[in-house]
C-alpha cells in the first residue's frame, strides 16, 4: 500500500487546492432579446426569434 514518507503540510495542501474552487458562470446582457444570459448558450427567447425569422 502506498504511504507518503512525510506528512503534507497545511501550506502545501492548500496551495495545491487553490484551483479546486467553484467558478461562477459568465453572464452577459443580450441586446437582441433584452435578457441576461450565459455566454455561448441559447435562450428560449432566442429560439422564438430565430423561428420567427425563418418563417
PDB file of N, CA and C in Angstrom:
ATOM      1  N   UNK A   1       0.835  -1.169   0.000  1.00  0.00           N
ATOM      2  CA  UNK A   1       0.000   0.000   0.000  1.00  0.00           C
ATOM      3  C   UNK A   1       0.887   1.242   0.000  1.00  0.00           C
ATOM      4  N   UNK A   2       0.549   2.219  -0.834  1.00  0.00           N
ATOM      5  CA  UNK A   2       1.357   3.423  -0.961  1.00  0.00           C
ATOM      6  C   UNK A   2       1.096   4.374   0.204  1.00  0.00           C
ATOM      7  N   UNK A   3       2.155   4.717   0.920  1.00  0.00           N
ATOM      8  CA  UNK A   3       2.055   5.618   2.067  1.00  0.00           C
ATOM      9  C   UNK A   3       3.093   6.714   1.892  1.00  0.00           C
ATOM     10  N   UNK A   4       2.720   7.979   2.082  1.00  0.00           N
ATOM     11  CA  UNK A   4       3.707   9.046   1.940  1.00  0.00           C
ATOM     12  C   UNK A   4       4.779   8.974   3.024  1.00  0.00           C
ATOM     13  N   UNK A   5       6.010   9.320   2.644  1.00  0.00           N
ATOM     14  CA  UNK A   5       7.128   9.251   3.583  1.00  0.00           C
ATOM     15  C   UNK A   5       7.035  10.363   4.629  1.00  0.00           C
ATOM     16  N   UNK A   6       6.518  11.529   4.238  1.00  0.00           N
ATOM     17  CA  UNK A   6       6.408  12.659   5.159  1.00  0.00           C
ATOM     18  C   UNK A   6       4.981  13.199   5.145  1.00  0.00           C
ATOM     19  N   UNK A   7       4.615  13.835   6.233  1.00  0.00           N
ATOM     20  CA  UNK A   7       3.287  14.447   6.335  1.00  0.00           C
ATOM     21  C   UNK A   7       3.247  15.691   5.442  1.00  0.00           C
ATOM     22  N   UNK A   8       2.169  15.845   4.686  1.00  0.00           N
ATOM     23  CA  UNK A   8       1.999  17.031   3.843  1.00  0.00           C
ATOM     24  C   UNK A   8       1.576  18.204   4.716  1.00  0.00           C
ATOM     25  N   UNK A   9       2.296  19.309   4.597  1.00  0.00           N
ATOM     26  CA  UNK A   9       1.997  20.470   5.424  1.00  0.00           C
ATOM     27  C   UNK A   9       0.697  21.135   4.961  1.00  0.00           C
ATOM     28  N   UNK A  10       0.124  21.970   5.834  1.00  0.00           N
ATOM     29  CA  UNK A  10      -1.117  22.672   5.508  1.00  0.00           C
ATOM     30  C   UNK A  10      -0.910  23.604   4.325  1.00  0.00           C
ATOM     31  N   UNK A  11       0.242  24.262   4.289  1.00  0.00           N
ATOM     32  CA  UNK A  11       0.519  25.204   3.210  1.00  0.00           C
ATOM     33  C   UNK A  11       0.619  24.492   1.864  1.00  0.00           C
ATOM     34  N   UNK A  12       1.318  23.379   1.811  1.00  0.00           N
ATOM     35  CA  UNK A  12       1.448  22.619   0.563  1.00  0.00           C
ATOM     36  C   UNK A  12       0.082  22.131   0.094  1.00  0.00           C
ATOM     37  N   UNK A  13      -0.712  21.642   1.038  1.00  0.00           N
ATOM     38  CA  UNK A  13      -2.029  21.121   0.714  1.00  0.00           C
ATOM     39  C   UNK A  13      -2.945  22.231   0.197  1.00  0.00           C
ATOM     40  N   UNK A  14      -2.915  23.385   0.831  1.00  0.00           N
ATOM     41  CA  UNK A  14      -3.784  24.499   0.434  1.00  0.00           C
ATOM     42  C   UNK A  14      -3.360  25.119  -0.889  1.00  0.00           C
ATOM     43  N   UNK A  15      -2.047  25.212  -1.140  1.00  0.00           N
ATOM     44  CA  UNK A  15      -1.601  25.768  -2.418  1.00  0.00           C
ATOM     45  C   UNK A  15      -1.945  24.827  -3.566  1.00  0.00           C
ATOM     46  N   UNK A  16      -1.962  23.541  -3.320  1.00  0.00           N
ATOM     47  CA  UNK A  16      -2.345  22.583  -4.352  1.00  0.00           C
ATOM     48  C   UNK A  16      -3.833  22.688  -4.663  1.00  0.00           C
ATOM     49  N   UNK A  17      -4.635  23.010  -3.658  1.00  0.00           N
ATOM     50  CA  UNK A  17      -6.093  23.057  -3.825  1.00  0.00           C
ATOM     51  C   UNK A  17      -6.630  24.426  -4.230  1.00  0.00           C
ATOM     52  N   UNK A  18      -5.774  25.383  -4.543  1.00  0.00           N
ATOM     53  CA  UNK A  18      -6.258  26.711  -4.904  1.00  0.00           C
ATOM     54  C   UNK A  18      -7.058  26.680  -6.196  1.00  0.00           C
ATOM     55  N   UNK A  19      -6.834  25.712  -7.068  1.00  0.00           N
ATOM     56  CA  UNK A  19      -7.541  25.625  -8.340  1.00  0.00           C
ATOM     57  C   UNK A  19      -8.825  24.805  -8.229  1.00  0.00           C
ATOM     58  N   UNK A  20      -9.170  24.322  -7.058  1.00  0.00           N
ATOM     59  CA  UNK A  20     -10.357  23.492  -6.878  1.00  0.00           C
ATOM     60  C   UNK A  20     -11.606  24.319  -6.597  1.00  0.00           C
ATOM     61  N   UNK A  21     -11.512  25.617  -6.724  1.00  0.00           N
ATOM     62  CA  UNK A  21     -12.623  26.492  -6.375  1.00  0.00           C
ATOM     63  C   UNK A  21     -13.727  26.424  -7.428  1.00  0.00           C
ATOM     64  N   UNK A  22     -14.931  26.769  -7.024  1.00  0.00           N
ATOM     65  CA  UNK A  22     -16.071  26.809  -7.928  1.00  0.00           C
ATOM     66  C   UNK A  22     -16.103  28.184  -8.588  1.00  0.00           C
ATOM     67  N   UNK A  23     -16.177  28.194  -9.898  1.00  0.00           N
ATOM     68  CA  UNK A  23     -16.198  29.450 -10.634  1.00  0.00           C
ATOM     69  C   UNK A  23     -17.624  29.795 -11.018  1.00  0.00           C
ATOM     70  N   UNK A  24     -17.978  31.066 -10.897  1.00  0.00           N
ATOM     71  CA  UNK A  24     -19.323  31.493 -11.259  1.00  0.00           C
ATOM     72  C   UNK A  24     -19.427  31.607 -12.776  1.00  0.00           C
ATOM     73  N   UNK A  25     -20.588  31.314 -13.339  1.00  0.00           N
ATOM     74  CA  UNK A  25     -20.738  31.403 -14.792  1.00  0.00           C
ATOM     75  C   UNK A  25     -20.704  32.849 -15.271  1.00  0.00           C
ATOM     76  N   UNK A  26     -20.219  33.045 -16.478  1.00  0.00           N
ATOM     77  CA  UNK A  26     -20.159  34.386 -17.049  1.00  0.00           C
ATOM     78  C   UNK A  26     -21.535  34.740 -17.603  1.00  0.00           C
ATOM     79  N   UNK A  27     -22.089  35.833 -17.138  1.00  0.00           N
ATOM     80  CA  UNK A  27     -23.417  36.264 -17.555  1.00  0.00           C
ATOM     81  C   UNK A  27     -23.284  37.593 -18.279  1.00  0.00           C
ATOM     82  N   UNK A  28     -23.941  37.689 -19.431  1.00  0.00           N
ATOM     83  CA  UNK A  28     -23.883  38.904 -20.239  1.00  0.00           C
ATOM     84  C   UNK A  28     -25.297  39.330 -20.612  1.00  0.00           C
ATOM     85  N   UNK A  29     -25.471  40.616 -20.884  1.00  0.00           N
ATOM     86  CA  UNK A  29     -26.765  41.152 -21.293  1.00  0.00           C
ATOM     87  C   UNK A  29     -26.893  41.036 -22.800  1.00  0.00           C
ATOM     88  N   UNK A  30     -27.960  40.385 -23.259  1.00  0.00           N
ATOM     89  CA  UNK A  30     -28.196  40.198 -24.682  1.00  0.00           C
ATOM     90  C   UNK A  30     -29.040  41.347 -25.216  1.00  0.00           C
ATOM     91  N   UNK A  31     -28.521  42.079 -26.179  1.00  0.00           N
ATOM     92  CA  UNK A  31     -29.226  43.244 -26.711  1.00  0.00           C
ATOM     93  C   UNK A  31     -30.421  42.872 -27.583  1.00  0.00           C
ATOM     94  N   UNK A  32     -30.372  41.720 -28.251  1.00  0.00           N
ATOM     95  CA  UNK A  32     -31.465  41.347 -29.153  1.00  0.00           C
ATOM     96  C   UNK A  32     -32.724  40.943 -28.391  1.00  0.00           C
ATOM     97  N   UNK A  33     -32.559  40.222 -27.277  1.00  0.00           N
ATOM     98  CA  UNK A  33     -33.724  39.760 -26.511  1.00  0.00           C
ATOM     99  C   UNK A  33     -33.970  40.591 -25.262  1.00  0.00           C
ATOM    100  N   UNK A  34     -32.960  41.304 -24.784  1.00  0.00           N
ATOM    101  CA  UNK A  34     -33.113  42.104 -23.570  1.00  0.00           C
ATOM    102  C   UNK A  34     -33.099  41.280 -22.310  1.00  0.00           C
ATOM    103  N   UNK A  35     -32.396  40.160 -22.326  1.00  0.00           N
ATOM    104  CA  UNK A  35     -32.346  39.237 -21.196  1.00  0.00           C
ATOM    105  C   UNK A  35     -30.891  38.973 -20.831  1.00  0.00           C
ATOM    106  N   UNK A  36     -30.626  38.784 -19.535  1.00  0.00           N
ATOM    107  CA  UNK A  36     -29.303  38.350 -19.098  1.00  0.00           C
ATOM    108  C   UNK A  36     -29.183  36.858 -19.357  1.00  0.00           C
ATOM    109  N   UNK A  37     -28.074  36.438 -19.953  1.00  0.00           N
ATOM    110  CA  UNK A  37     -27.900  35.029 -20.275  1.00  0.00           C
ATOM    111  C   UNK A  37     -26.431  34.647 -20.170  1.00  0.00           C
ATOM    112  N   UNK A  38     -26.194  33.346 -20.142  1.00  0.00           N
ATOM    113  CA  UNK A  38     -24.825  32.839 -20.124  1.00  0.00           C
ATOM    114  C   UNK A  38     -24.216  32.961 -21.507  1.00  0.00           C
ATOM    115  N   UNK A  39     -22.934  33.235 -21.553  1.00  0.00           N
ATOM    116  CA  UNK A  39     -22.237  33.372 -22.828  1.00  0.00           C
ATOM    117  C   UNK A  39     -22.218  32.027 -23.550  1.00  0.00           C
ATOM    118  N   UNK A  40     -22.450  32.060 -24.858  1.00  0.00           N
ATOM    119  CA  UNK A  40     -22.424  30.888 -25.735  1.00  0.00           C
ATOM    120  C   UNK A  40     -23.541  29.887 -25.428  1.00  0.00           C
ATOM    121  N   UNK A  41     -24.620  30.324 -24.795  1.00  0.00           N
ATOM    122  CA  UNK A  41     -25.786  29.490 -24.546  1.00  0.00           C
ATOM    123  C   UNK A  41     -26.991  30.160 -25.188  1.00  0.00           C
ATOM    124  N   UNK A  42     -27.907  29.359 -25.710  1.00  0.00           N
ATOM    125  CA  UNK A  42     -29.086  29.911 -26.369  1.00  0.00           C
ATOM    126  C   UNK A  42     -30.257  29.875 -25.387  1.00  0.00           C
ATOM    127  N   UNK A  43     -31.090  30.932 -25.409  1.00  0.00           N
ATOM    128  CA  UNK A  43     -32.235  31.019 -24.515  1.00  0.00           C
ATOM    129  C   UNK A  43     -33.519  30.709 -25.278  1.00  0.00           C
ATOM    130  N   UNK A  44     -34.614  30.546 -24.552  1.00  0.00           N
ATOM    131  CA  UNK A  44     -35.902  30.263 -25.182  1.00  0.00           C
ATOM    132  C   UNK A  44     -36.352  31.426 -26.059  1.00  0.00           C
ATOM    133  N   UNK A  45     -36.055  32.654 -25.620  1.00  0.00           N
ATOM    134  CA  UNK A  45     -36.427  33.825 -26.401  1.00  0.00           C
ATOM    135  C   UNK A  45     -35.707  33.851 -27.751  1.00  0.00           C
ATOM    136  N   UNK A  46     -34.439  33.437 -27.754  1.00  0.00           N
ATOM    137  CA  UNK A  46     -33.674  33.401 -28.998  1.00  0.00           C
ATOM    138  C   UNK A  46     -34.223  32.348 -29.948  1.00  0.00           C
ATOM    139  N   UNK A  47     -34.672  31.226 -29.426  1.00  0.00           N
ATOM    140  CA  UNK A  47     -35.268  30.184 -30.265  1.00  0.00           C
ATOM    141  C   UNK A  47     -36.519  30.722 -30.936  1.00  0.00           C
ATOM    142  N   UNK A  48     -37.342  31.428 -30.164  1.00  0.00           N
ATOM    143  CA  UNK A  48     -38.570  32.001 -30.724  1.00  0.00           C
ATOM    144  C   UNK A  48     -38.252  33.042 -31.806  1.00  0.00           C
ATOM    145  N   UNK A  49     -37.248  33.882 -31.557  1.00  0.00           N
ATOM    146  CA  UNK A  49     -36.862  34.893 -32.545  1.00  0.00           C
ATOM    147  C   UNK A  49     -36.335  34.261 -33.829  1.00  0.00           C
ATOM    148  N   UNK A  50     -35.521  33.218 -33.690  1.00  0.00           N
ATOM    149  CA  UNK A  50     -34.951  32.572 -34.868  1.00  0.00           C
ATOM    150  C   UNK A  50     -36.017  31.844 -35.680  1.00  0.00           C
ATOM    151  N   UNK A  51     -36.994  31.240 -34.988  1.00  0.00           N
ATOM    152  CA  UNK A  51     -38.088  30.579 -35.701  1.00  0.00           C
ATOM    153  C   UNK A  51     -38.940  31.606 -36.441  1.00  0.00           C
ATOM    154  N   UNK A  52     -39.145  32.771 -35.851  1.00  0.00           N
ATOM    155  CA  UNK A  52     -39.926  33.827 -36.490  1.00  0.00           C
ATOM    156  C   UNK A  52     -39.197  34.381 -37.709  1.00  0.00           C
ATOM    157  N   UNK A  53     -37.863  34.447 -37.655  1.00  0.00           N
ATOM    158  CA  UNK A  53     -37.079  34.940 -38.786  1.00  0.00           C
ATOM    159  C   UNK A  53     -37.125  33.992 -39.960  1.00  0.00           C
ATOM    160  N   UNK A  54     -37.185  32.700 -39.701  1.00  0.00           N
ATOM    161  CA  UNK A  54     -37.186  31.700 -40.755  1.00  0.00           C
ATOM    162  C   UNK A  54     -38.509  31.733 -41.502  1.00  0.00           C
ATOM    163  N   UNK A  55     -39.592  31.952 -40.809  1.00  0.00           N
ATOM    164  CA  UNK A  55     -40.914  31.931 -41.446  1.00  0.00           C
ATOM    165  C   UNK A  55     -41.159  33.104 -42.294  1.00  0.00           C
TER     166      UNK A  55
END
